[in-house]
Amino acid sequence: MNEDRKDGAAQGGEDSREYLTFTLGDEEYGIDILKVQEIRGYDAVTKIANSPSFIKGVINMRGIIVPIIDMRLKFNLGQAEYNQFTVVIILNIAGRVLGIVVDGVSDVIALDREQVRPAPEFGAILDTDYIDGLATFDERMVIMVDIEKLMTSGEMGLVDQAQMGAY
């Protein structure tokens, strides 16, 4: 069947998973490609009163109201500059569509499980609950984010916790 395939880099092994990598400032992050629905340019959002600062607002995407989260603000990386490179990654998390604003999308990489190292423990000064680990790929350090765990956390308030029990 697939024994003839020689393109192991793109195909990956059985333990290989594909990640979409994106940048926030000088850092590169990776998220599970299976959570990504689409990538689009940053458009104006409708602000929602009394929402946390990292929630930029909402957009209407083909009749679906989609909350937009600024990952720079969520990760305390300073104020974001919105320019022609700024993109929104539309995610489908636990049956909910939402978008994250990032500085730019890099590429899709395939990583074997052993290429992802556990995140170091920083104690109470840094919350690493949402970091799957760190990976080195083509001389680049990529911070692997468990985007589903982050977006379904109680502090985000984006996905109904009762809804999570169904998955």
N, C-alpha and C. Protein backbone atom coordinates (compact mmCIF):
# COMPACT_ATOMS: atom_id res chain seq x y z
N MET A 1 0.82 -1.19 0.00
CA MET A 1 0.00 0.00 0.00
C MET A 1 0.87 1.26 0.00
N ASN A 2 1.30 1.72 1.21
CA ASN A 2 2.09 2.95 1.31
C ASN A 2 3.59 2.69 1.39
N GLU A 3 4.02 1.43 1.17
CA GLU A 3 5.44 1.12 1.31
C GLU A 3 6.30 1.88 0.30
N ASP A 4 5.72 2.27 -0.82
CA ASP A 4 6.48 2.94 -1.86
C ASP A 4 6.74 4.41 -1.57
N ARG A 5 6.07 4.97 -0.57
CA ARG A 5 6.21 6.40 -0.29
C ARG A 5 7.57 6.70 0.30
N LYS A 6 8.25 7.67 -0.28
CA LYS A 6 9.58 8.06 0.20
C LYS A 6 9.57 9.46 0.81
N ASP A 7 8.43 10.16 0.73
CA ASP A 7 8.37 11.55 1.20
C ASP A 7 8.07 11.58 2.70
N GLY A 8 8.98 11.03 3.50
CA GLY A 8 8.78 10.90 4.94
C GLY A 8 8.64 12.23 5.66
N ALA A 9 9.27 13.29 5.15
CA ALA A 9 9.19 14.57 5.85
C ALA A 9 7.77 15.09 5.88
N ALA A 10 7.10 15.06 4.75
CA ALA A 10 5.73 15.55 4.72
C ALA A 10 4.77 14.52 5.28
N GLN A 11 5.05 13.25 5.01
CA GLN A 11 4.16 12.17 5.45
C GLN A 11 4.30 11.92 6.95
N GLY A 12 5.54 11.87 7.43
CA GLY A 12 5.79 11.63 8.85
C GLY A 12 5.54 10.18 9.21
N GLY A 13 5.98 9.82 10.41
CA GLY A 13 5.76 8.47 10.89
C GLY A 13 4.38 8.36 11.53
N GLU A 14 4.14 7.16 12.09
CA GLU A 14 2.83 6.95 12.73
C GLU A 14 2.63 7.85 13.92
N ASP A 15 3.71 8.19 14.64
CA ASP A 15 3.62 9.07 15.80
C ASP A 15 3.78 10.54 15.43
N SER A 16 3.85 10.81 14.15
CA SER A 16 4.06 12.17 13.67
C SER A 16 2.73 12.93 13.65
N ARG A 17 2.80 14.20 14.02
CA ARG A 17 1.63 15.07 13.95
C ARG A 17 2.03 16.36 13.24
N GLU A 18 1.06 16.97 12.57
CA GLU A 18 1.34 18.22 11.87
C GLU A 18 0.88 19.40 12.70
N TYR A 19 1.69 20.44 12.66
CA TYR A 19 1.43 21.65 13.43
C TYR A 19 1.53 22.87 12.52
N LEU A 20 0.64 23.81 12.74
CA LEU A 20 0.74 25.11 12.09
C LEU A 20 1.58 25.98 13.00
N THR A 21 2.63 26.59 12.44
CA THR A 21 3.48 27.46 13.26
C THR A 21 3.17 28.91 12.94
N PHE A 22 3.22 29.73 13.98
CA PHE A 22 2.95 31.16 13.83
C PHE A 22 3.87 31.94 14.75
N THR A 23 4.00 33.22 14.49
CA THR A 23 4.88 34.07 15.30
C THR A 23 4.08 35.06 16.13
N LEU A 24 4.62 35.31 17.30
CA LEU A 24 4.18 36.38 18.19
C LEU A 24 5.46 37.06 18.64
N GLY A 25 5.70 38.26 18.16
CA GLY A 25 6.97 38.91 18.47
C GLY A 25 8.12 38.12 17.88
N ASP A 26 9.12 37.83 18.71
CA ASP A 26 10.30 37.09 18.25
C ASP A 26 10.15 35.58 18.42
N GLU A 27 9.05 35.14 19.01
CA GLU A 27 8.88 33.73 19.30
C GLU A 27 8.00 33.04 18.27
N GLU A 28 8.24 31.74 18.12
CA GLU A 28 7.44 30.93 17.20
C GLU A 28 6.67 29.88 18.00
N TYR A 29 5.42 29.73 17.67
CA TYR A 29 4.52 28.82 18.37
C TYR A 29 3.95 27.82 17.38
N GLY A 30 3.53 26.67 17.90
CA GLY A 30 2.92 25.65 17.05
C GLY A 30 1.63 25.17 17.67
N ILE A 31 0.61 24.94 16.83
CA ILE A 31 -0.66 24.38 17.28
C ILE A 31 -1.05 23.24 16.35
N ASP A 32 -1.83 22.33 16.87
CA ASP A 32 -2.29 21.17 16.12
C ASP A 32 -3.05 21.63 14.87
N ILE A 33 -2.61 21.21 13.70
CA ILE A 33 -3.22 21.64 12.43
C ILE A 33 -4.67 21.18 12.34
N LEU A 34 -5.02 20.11 13.04
CA LEU A 34 -6.39 19.60 12.95
C LEU A 34 -7.41 20.53 13.60
N LYS A 35 -6.94 21.47 14.43
CA LYS A 35 -7.85 22.45 15.07
C LYS A 35 -8.08 23.67 14.18
N VAL A 36 -7.27 23.81 13.12
CA VAL A 36 -7.32 25.00 12.26
C VAL A 36 -8.38 24.82 11.18
N GLN A 37 -9.25 25.80 11.07
CA GLN A 37 -10.30 25.77 10.05
C GLN A 37 -9.88 26.58 8.84
N GLU A 38 -9.35 27.79 9.07
CA GLU A 38 -8.86 28.62 7.97
C GLU A 38 -7.97 29.71 8.51
N ILE A 39 -7.26 30.36 7.60
CA ILE A 39 -6.39 31.48 7.94
C ILE A 39 -6.84 32.67 7.10
N ARG A 40 -7.03 33.81 7.74
CA ARG A 40 -7.51 34.99 7.02
C ARG A 40 -6.79 36.23 7.52
N GLY A 41 -6.88 37.29 6.74
CA GLY A 41 -6.30 38.56 7.16
C GLY A 41 -7.07 39.16 8.31
N TYR A 42 -6.42 40.07 9.03
CA TYR A 42 -7.08 40.73 10.17
C TYR A 42 -8.01 41.82 9.64
N ASP A 43 -9.26 41.74 10.07
CA ASP A 43 -10.27 42.75 9.72
C ASP A 43 -10.71 43.43 10.99
N ALA A 44 -11.43 44.52 10.83
CA ALA A 44 -11.99 45.21 11.99
C ALA A 44 -12.94 44.27 12.73
N VAL A 45 -12.95 44.39 14.04
CA VAL A 45 -13.82 43.57 14.87
C VAL A 45 -14.82 44.46 15.58
N THR A 46 -15.93 43.88 15.98
CA THR A 46 -16.92 44.58 16.78
C THR A 46 -16.58 44.33 18.24
N LYS A 47 -16.29 45.41 18.97
CA LYS A 47 -15.91 45.28 20.38
C LYS A 47 -17.12 44.89 21.21
N ILE A 48 -16.87 44.10 22.24
CA ILE A 48 -17.90 43.68 23.18
C ILE A 48 -17.60 44.34 24.52
N ALA A 49 -18.57 45.05 25.07
CA ALA A 49 -18.39 45.75 26.35
C ALA A 49 -18.06 44.76 27.46
N ASN A 50 -17.20 45.19 28.37
CA ASN A 50 -16.82 44.43 29.58
C ASN A 50 -16.15 43.10 29.30
N SER A 51 -15.61 42.91 28.10
CA SER A 51 -14.89 41.66 27.84
C SER A 51 -13.43 41.85 28.26
N PRO A 52 -12.72 40.76 28.57
CA PRO A 52 -11.30 40.87 28.94
C PRO A 52 -10.52 41.53 27.79
N SER A 53 -9.40 42.17 28.13
CA SER A 53 -8.64 42.93 27.13
C SER A 53 -8.15 42.04 25.98
N PHE A 54 -7.85 40.76 26.25
CA PHE A 54 -7.33 39.89 25.19
C PHE A 54 -8.40 39.48 24.19
N ILE A 55 -9.67 39.68 24.52
CA ILE A 55 -10.73 39.41 23.55
C ILE A 55 -10.98 40.71 22.78
N LYS A 56 -10.51 40.72 21.53
CA LYS A 56 -10.58 41.93 20.71
C LYS A 56 -12.01 42.28 20.35
N GLY A 57 -12.87 41.27 20.22
CA GLY A 57 -14.25 41.48 19.83
C GLY A 57 -14.73 40.28 19.05
N VAL A 58 -15.69 40.52 18.15
CA VAL A 58 -16.24 39.44 17.34
C VAL A 58 -16.30 39.87 15.88
N ILE A 59 -16.33 38.87 15.00
CA ILE A 59 -16.57 39.12 13.58
C ILE A 59 -17.73 38.23 13.15
N ASN A 60 -18.37 38.62 12.07
CA ASN A 60 -19.42 37.80 11.48
C ASN A 60 -18.78 37.11 10.28
N MET A 61 -18.63 35.79 10.40
CA MET A 61 -17.99 35.02 9.34
C MET A 61 -19.03 34.09 8.72
N ARG A 62 -19.54 34.50 7.59
CA ARG A 62 -20.55 33.71 6.89
C ARG A 62 -21.71 33.31 7.81
N GLY A 63 -22.18 34.29 8.59
CA GLY A 63 -23.33 34.08 9.44
C GLY A 63 -23.02 33.52 10.82
N ILE A 64 -21.75 33.23 11.11
CA ILE A 64 -21.35 32.72 12.43
C ILE A 64 -20.64 33.85 13.17
N ILE A 65 -21.05 34.10 14.41
CA ILE A 65 -20.37 35.11 15.23
C ILE A 65 -19.15 34.46 15.86
N VAL A 66 -17.98 35.00 15.54
CA VAL A 66 -16.71 34.38 15.94
C VAL A 66 -15.95 35.32 16.87
N PRO A 67 -15.71 34.90 18.14
CA PRO A 67 -14.88 35.72 19.03
C PRO A 67 -13.43 35.71 18.55
N ILE A 68 -12.77 36.87 18.68
CA ILE A 68 -11.38 37.01 18.23
C ILE A 68 -10.50 37.31 19.45
N ILE A 69 -9.49 36.46 19.66
CA ILE A 69 -8.59 36.59 20.81
C ILE A 69 -7.23 37.04 20.31
N ASP A 70 -6.69 38.09 20.93
CA ASP A 70 -5.34 38.56 20.60
C ASP A 70 -4.35 37.78 21.46
N MET A 71 -3.58 36.91 20.82
CA MET A 71 -2.67 36.04 21.57
C MET A 71 -1.52 36.81 22.21
N ARG A 72 -1.13 37.96 21.63
CA ARG A 72 -0.08 38.77 22.26
C ARG A 72 -0.54 39.25 23.63
N LEU A 73 -1.79 39.71 23.68
CA LEU A 73 -2.33 40.19 24.96
C LEU A 73 -2.56 39.03 25.92
N LYS A 74 -3.03 37.89 25.40
CA LYS A 74 -3.28 36.72 26.25
C LYS A 74 -1.99 36.24 26.89
N PHE A 75 -0.90 36.26 26.14
CA PHE A 75 0.39 35.79 26.65
C PHE A 75 1.24 36.92 27.25
N ASN A 76 0.64 38.11 27.45
CA ASN A 76 1.35 39.26 28.02
C ASN A 76 2.64 39.60 27.27
N LEU A 77 2.53 39.66 25.95
CA LEU A 77 3.71 39.96 25.12
C LEU A 77 3.71 41.41 24.63
N GLY A 78 2.91 42.24 25.24
CA GLY A 78 2.87 43.65 24.85
C GLY A 78 1.79 43.93 23.83
N GLN A 79 1.63 45.20 23.53
CA GLN A 79 0.58 45.62 22.60
C GLN A 79 0.93 45.16 21.18
N ALA A 80 -0.06 44.69 20.48
CA ALA A 80 0.15 44.21 19.12
C ALA A 80 0.04 45.36 18.13
N GLU A 81 0.84 45.26 17.09
CA GLU A 81 0.71 46.18 15.96
C GLU A 81 -0.01 45.43 14.87
N TYR A 82 -1.09 46.00 14.38
CA TYR A 82 -1.85 45.34 13.32
C TYR A 82 -1.40 45.93 11.99
N ASN A 83 -0.89 45.05 11.12
CA ASN A 83 -0.43 45.50 9.80
C ASN A 83 -0.83 44.47 8.75
N GLN A 84 -0.26 44.59 7.57
CA GLN A 84 -0.66 43.68 6.47
C GLN A 84 -0.24 42.24 6.72
N PHE A 85 0.67 42.00 7.67
CA PHE A 85 1.11 40.63 7.96
C PHE A 85 0.28 39.97 9.06
N THR A 86 -0.47 40.77 9.81
CA THR A 86 -1.27 40.24 10.91
C THR A 86 -2.36 39.33 10.35
N VAL A 87 -2.49 38.16 10.95
CA VAL A 87 -3.48 37.22 10.47
C VAL A 87 -4.33 36.70 11.61
N VAL A 88 -5.48 36.18 11.25
CA VAL A 88 -6.37 35.53 12.20
C VAL A 88 -6.44 34.06 11.81
N ILE A 89 -6.13 33.19 12.76
CA ILE A 89 -6.26 31.76 12.55
C ILE A 89 -7.63 31.38 13.11
N ILE A 90 -8.49 30.89 12.24
CA ILE A 90 -9.82 30.45 12.67
C ILE A 90 -9.73 29.00 13.12
N LEU A 91 -10.15 28.76 14.36
CA LEU A 91 -10.04 27.45 14.98
C LEU A 91 -11.42 26.86 15.20
N ASN A 92 -11.47 25.55 15.24
CA ASN A 92 -12.69 24.86 15.64
C ASN A 92 -12.32 24.06 16.88
N ILE A 93 -12.77 24.55 18.03
CA ILE A 93 -12.41 23.95 19.32
C ILE A 93 -13.69 23.51 20.01
N ALA A 94 -13.79 22.24 20.29
CA ALA A 94 -14.93 21.68 21.02
C ALA A 94 -16.26 22.12 20.40
N GLY A 95 -16.32 22.13 19.08
CA GLY A 95 -17.54 22.49 18.39
C GLY A 95 -17.81 23.98 18.32
N ARG A 96 -16.86 24.80 18.77
CA ARG A 96 -17.01 26.26 18.76
C ARG A 96 -15.98 26.86 17.81
N VAL A 97 -16.42 27.81 16.99
CA VAL A 97 -15.50 28.49 16.08
C VAL A 97 -15.01 29.76 16.75
N LEU A 98 -13.68 29.95 16.77
CA LEU A 98 -13.11 31.18 17.31
C LEU A 98 -11.83 31.49 16.57
N GLY A 99 -11.38 32.72 16.71
CA GLY A 99 -10.19 33.15 15.99
C GLY A 99 -9.12 33.67 16.92
N ILE A 100 -7.86 33.45 16.55
CA ILE A 100 -6.75 34.01 17.31
C ILE A 100 -5.94 34.91 16.39
N VAL A 101 -5.60 36.09 16.91
CA VAL A 101 -4.79 37.05 16.16
C VAL A 101 -3.32 36.77 16.46
N VAL A 102 -2.54 36.59 15.40
CA VAL A 102 -1.10 36.35 15.54
C VAL A 102 -0.36 37.29 14.59
N ASP A 103 0.94 37.46 14.84
CA ASP A 103 1.72 38.38 14.01
C ASP A 103 1.92 37.86 12.60
N GLY A 104 1.99 36.55 12.44
CA GLY A 104 2.16 35.97 11.11
C GLY A 104 2.17 34.46 11.21
N VAL A 105 1.84 33.82 10.10
CA VAL A 105 1.87 32.36 10.03
C VAL A 105 3.16 31.96 9.33
N SER A 106 3.86 30.97 9.90
CA SER A 106 5.13 30.54 9.31
C SER A 106 4.90 29.42 8.30
N ASP A 107 4.62 28.22 8.80
CA ASP A 107 4.41 27.10 7.90
C ASP A 107 3.78 25.94 8.65
N VAL A 108 3.64 24.82 7.96
CA VAL A 108 3.13 23.59 8.58
C VAL A 108 4.32 22.65 8.71
N ILE A 109 4.51 22.12 9.92
CA ILE A 109 5.63 21.21 10.15
C ILE A 109 5.09 19.88 10.70
N ALA A 110 5.77 18.80 10.36
CA ALA A 110 5.44 17.48 10.89
C ALA A 110 6.49 17.14 11.93
N LEU A 111 6.05 16.81 13.13
CA LEU A 111 6.98 16.47 14.21
C LEU A 111 6.64 15.10 14.75
N ASP A 112 7.67 14.32 15.03
CA ASP A 112 7.48 13.07 15.74
C ASP A 112 7.38 13.39 17.22
N ARG A 113 6.70 12.52 17.95
CA ARG A 113 6.49 12.75 19.39
C ARG A 113 7.80 13.00 20.12
N GLU A 114 8.87 12.28 19.74
CA GLU A 114 10.14 12.45 20.47
C GLU A 114 10.84 13.78 20.16
N GLN A 115 10.40 14.50 19.14
CA GLN A 115 10.97 15.81 18.84
C GLN A 115 10.43 16.90 19.76
N VAL A 116 9.34 16.62 20.47
CA VAL A 116 8.74 17.61 21.38
C VAL A 116 9.20 17.28 22.80
N ARG A 117 9.95 18.21 23.38
CA ARG A 117 10.46 18.05 24.74
C ARG A 117 9.49 18.69 25.73
N PRO A 118 9.38 18.14 26.94
CA PRO A 118 8.48 18.75 27.92
C PRO A 118 8.91 20.19 28.24
N ALA A 119 7.92 21.02 28.53
CA ALA A 119 8.21 22.41 28.91
C ALA A 119 8.85 22.40 30.29
N PRO A 120 9.84 23.27 30.51
CA PRO A 120 10.45 23.34 31.85
C PRO A 120 9.44 23.88 32.86
N GLU A 121 9.59 23.49 34.10
CA GLU A 121 8.73 23.99 35.17
C GLU A 121 9.24 25.36 35.63
N PHE A 122 8.33 26.32 35.72
CA PHE A 122 8.71 27.65 36.17
C PHE A 122 8.04 28.00 37.50
N GLY A 123 7.33 27.05 38.09
CA GLY A 123 6.64 27.33 39.34
C GLY A 123 5.50 28.31 39.12
N ALA A 124 5.26 29.13 40.12
CA ALA A 124 4.10 30.03 40.09
C ALA A 124 4.32 31.26 39.20
N ILE A 125 5.57 31.55 38.81
CA ILE A 125 5.80 32.78 38.06
C ILE A 125 5.34 32.71 36.62
N LEU A 126 5.21 31.51 36.07
CA LEU A 126 4.80 31.37 34.68
C LEU A 126 3.88 30.17 34.55
N ASP A 127 2.72 30.40 33.98
CA ASP A 127 1.73 29.34 33.80
C ASP A 127 2.06 28.56 32.54
N THR A 128 2.52 27.31 32.70
CA THR A 128 2.88 26.49 31.55
C THR A 128 1.83 25.42 31.29
N ASP A 129 0.64 25.55 31.90
CA ASP A 129 -0.42 24.56 31.72
C ASP A 129 -0.79 24.35 30.26
N TYR A 130 -0.67 25.39 29.45
CA TYR A 130 -1.13 25.32 28.07
C TYR A 130 0.01 25.05 27.09
N ILE A 131 1.20 24.79 27.61
CA ILE A 131 2.34 24.51 26.75
C ILE A 131 2.60 23.01 26.74
N ASP A 132 2.47 22.42 25.56
CA ASP A 132 2.70 20.98 25.39
C ASP A 132 4.17 20.64 25.52
N GLY A 133 5.02 21.55 25.06
CA GLY A 133 6.44 21.30 25.11
C GLY A 133 7.17 22.23 24.16
N LEU A 134 8.44 21.95 23.96
CA LEU A 134 9.29 22.74 23.07
C LEU A 134 9.86 21.81 22.02
N ALA A 135 9.90 22.29 20.80
CA ALA A 135 10.45 21.48 19.71
C ALA A 135 11.50 22.28 18.97
N THR A 136 12.55 21.59 18.53
CA THR A 136 13.55 22.21 17.68
C THR A 136 13.33 21.67 16.28
N PHE A 137 13.17 22.59 15.35
CA PHE A 137 12.89 22.21 13.96
C PHE A 137 13.66 23.15 13.05
N ASP A 138 14.54 22.61 12.22
CA ASP A 138 15.37 23.43 11.31
C ASP A 138 16.04 24.59 12.05
N GLU A 139 16.67 24.29 13.17
CA GLU A 139 17.40 25.28 13.97
C GLU A 139 16.49 26.32 14.63
N ARG A 140 15.18 26.07 14.61
CA ARG A 140 14.23 27.00 15.24
C ARG A 140 13.65 26.33 16.48
N MET A 141 13.46 27.13 17.53
CA MET A 141 12.78 26.65 18.73
C MET A 141 11.31 27.02 18.59
N VAL A 142 10.43 26.02 18.68
CA VAL A 142 9.00 26.24 18.53
C VAL A 142 8.32 25.86 19.84
N ILE A 143 7.51 26.78 20.38
CA ILE A 143 6.76 26.53 21.60
C ILE A 143 5.44 25.89 21.20
N MET A 144 5.22 24.66 21.63
CA MET A 144 4.03 23.92 21.25
C MET A 144 2.91 24.23 22.23
N VAL A 145 1.81 24.79 21.73
CA VAL A 145 0.69 25.21 22.56
C VAL A 145 -0.46 24.22 22.43
N ASP A 146 -1.00 23.80 23.58
CA ASP A 146 -2.22 22.98 23.58
C ASP A 146 -3.38 23.96 23.45
N ILE A 147 -3.71 24.29 22.21
CA ILE A 147 -4.68 25.36 21.93
C ILE A 147 -6.07 25.00 22.45
N GLU A 148 -6.42 23.72 22.42
CA GLU A 148 -7.74 23.34 22.92
C GLU A 148 -7.82 23.54 24.43
N LYS A 149 -6.78 23.16 25.14
CA LYS A 149 -6.75 23.33 26.59
C LYS A 149 -6.81 24.81 26.96
N LEU A 150 -6.09 25.64 26.20
CA LEU A 150 -6.09 27.08 26.46
C LEU A 150 -7.47 27.68 26.21
N MET A 151 -8.05 27.37 25.07
CA MET A 151 -9.31 28.00 24.68
C MET A 151 -10.51 27.50 25.47
N THR A 152 -10.40 26.30 26.05
CA THR A 152 -11.52 25.78 26.83
C THR A 152 -11.33 26.02 28.32
N SER A 153 -10.28 26.72 28.71
CA SER A 153 -10.05 26.99 30.13
C SER A 153 -11.13 27.93 30.66
N GLY A 154 -11.41 27.81 31.93
CA GLY A 154 -12.44 28.63 32.56
C GLY A 154 -12.17 30.11 32.45
N GLU A 155 -10.90 30.52 32.52
CA GLU A 155 -10.55 31.94 32.46
C GLU A 155 -10.88 32.57 31.11
N MET A 156 -10.88 31.75 30.05
CA MET A 156 -11.22 32.28 28.73
C MET A 156 -12.72 32.50 28.61
N GLY A 157 -13.49 31.60 29.20
CA GLY A 157 -14.94 31.74 29.17
C GLY A 157 -15.54 31.70 27.79
N LEU A 158 -14.87 31.02 26.85
CA LEU A 158 -15.32 31.01 25.46
C LEU A 158 -16.13 29.78 25.10
N VAL A 159 -15.84 28.68 25.78
CA VAL A 159 -16.53 27.44 25.47
C VAL A 159 -17.27 27.02 26.73
N ASP A 160 -18.54 26.80 26.61
CA ASP A 160 -19.37 26.40 27.73
C ASP A 160 -18.82 25.11 28.32
N GLN A 161 -18.52 25.12 29.62
CA GLN A 161 -17.94 23.95 30.27
C GLN A 161 -18.87 22.74 30.22
N ALA A 162 -20.18 22.97 30.23
CA ALA A 162 -21.13 21.86 30.13
C ALA A 162 -21.00 21.18 28.78
N GLN A 163 -20.67 21.99 27.77
CA GLN A 163 -20.49 21.48 26.42
C GLN A 163 -19.29 20.54 26.35
N MET A 164 -18.28 20.79 27.18
CA MET A 164 -17.05 20.01 27.14
C MET A 164 -17.30 18.56 27.55
N GLY A 165 -18.26 18.31 28.41
CA GLY A 165 -18.52 16.95 28.85
C GLY A 165 -18.99 16.05 27.73
N ALA A 166 -19.46 16.65 26.65
CA ALA A 166 -19.97 15.85 25.52
C ALA A 166 -18.86 15.35 24.63
N TYR A 167 -17.63 15.78 24.83
CA TYR A 167 -16.53 15.40 23.94
C TYR A 167 -15.60 14.44 24.58
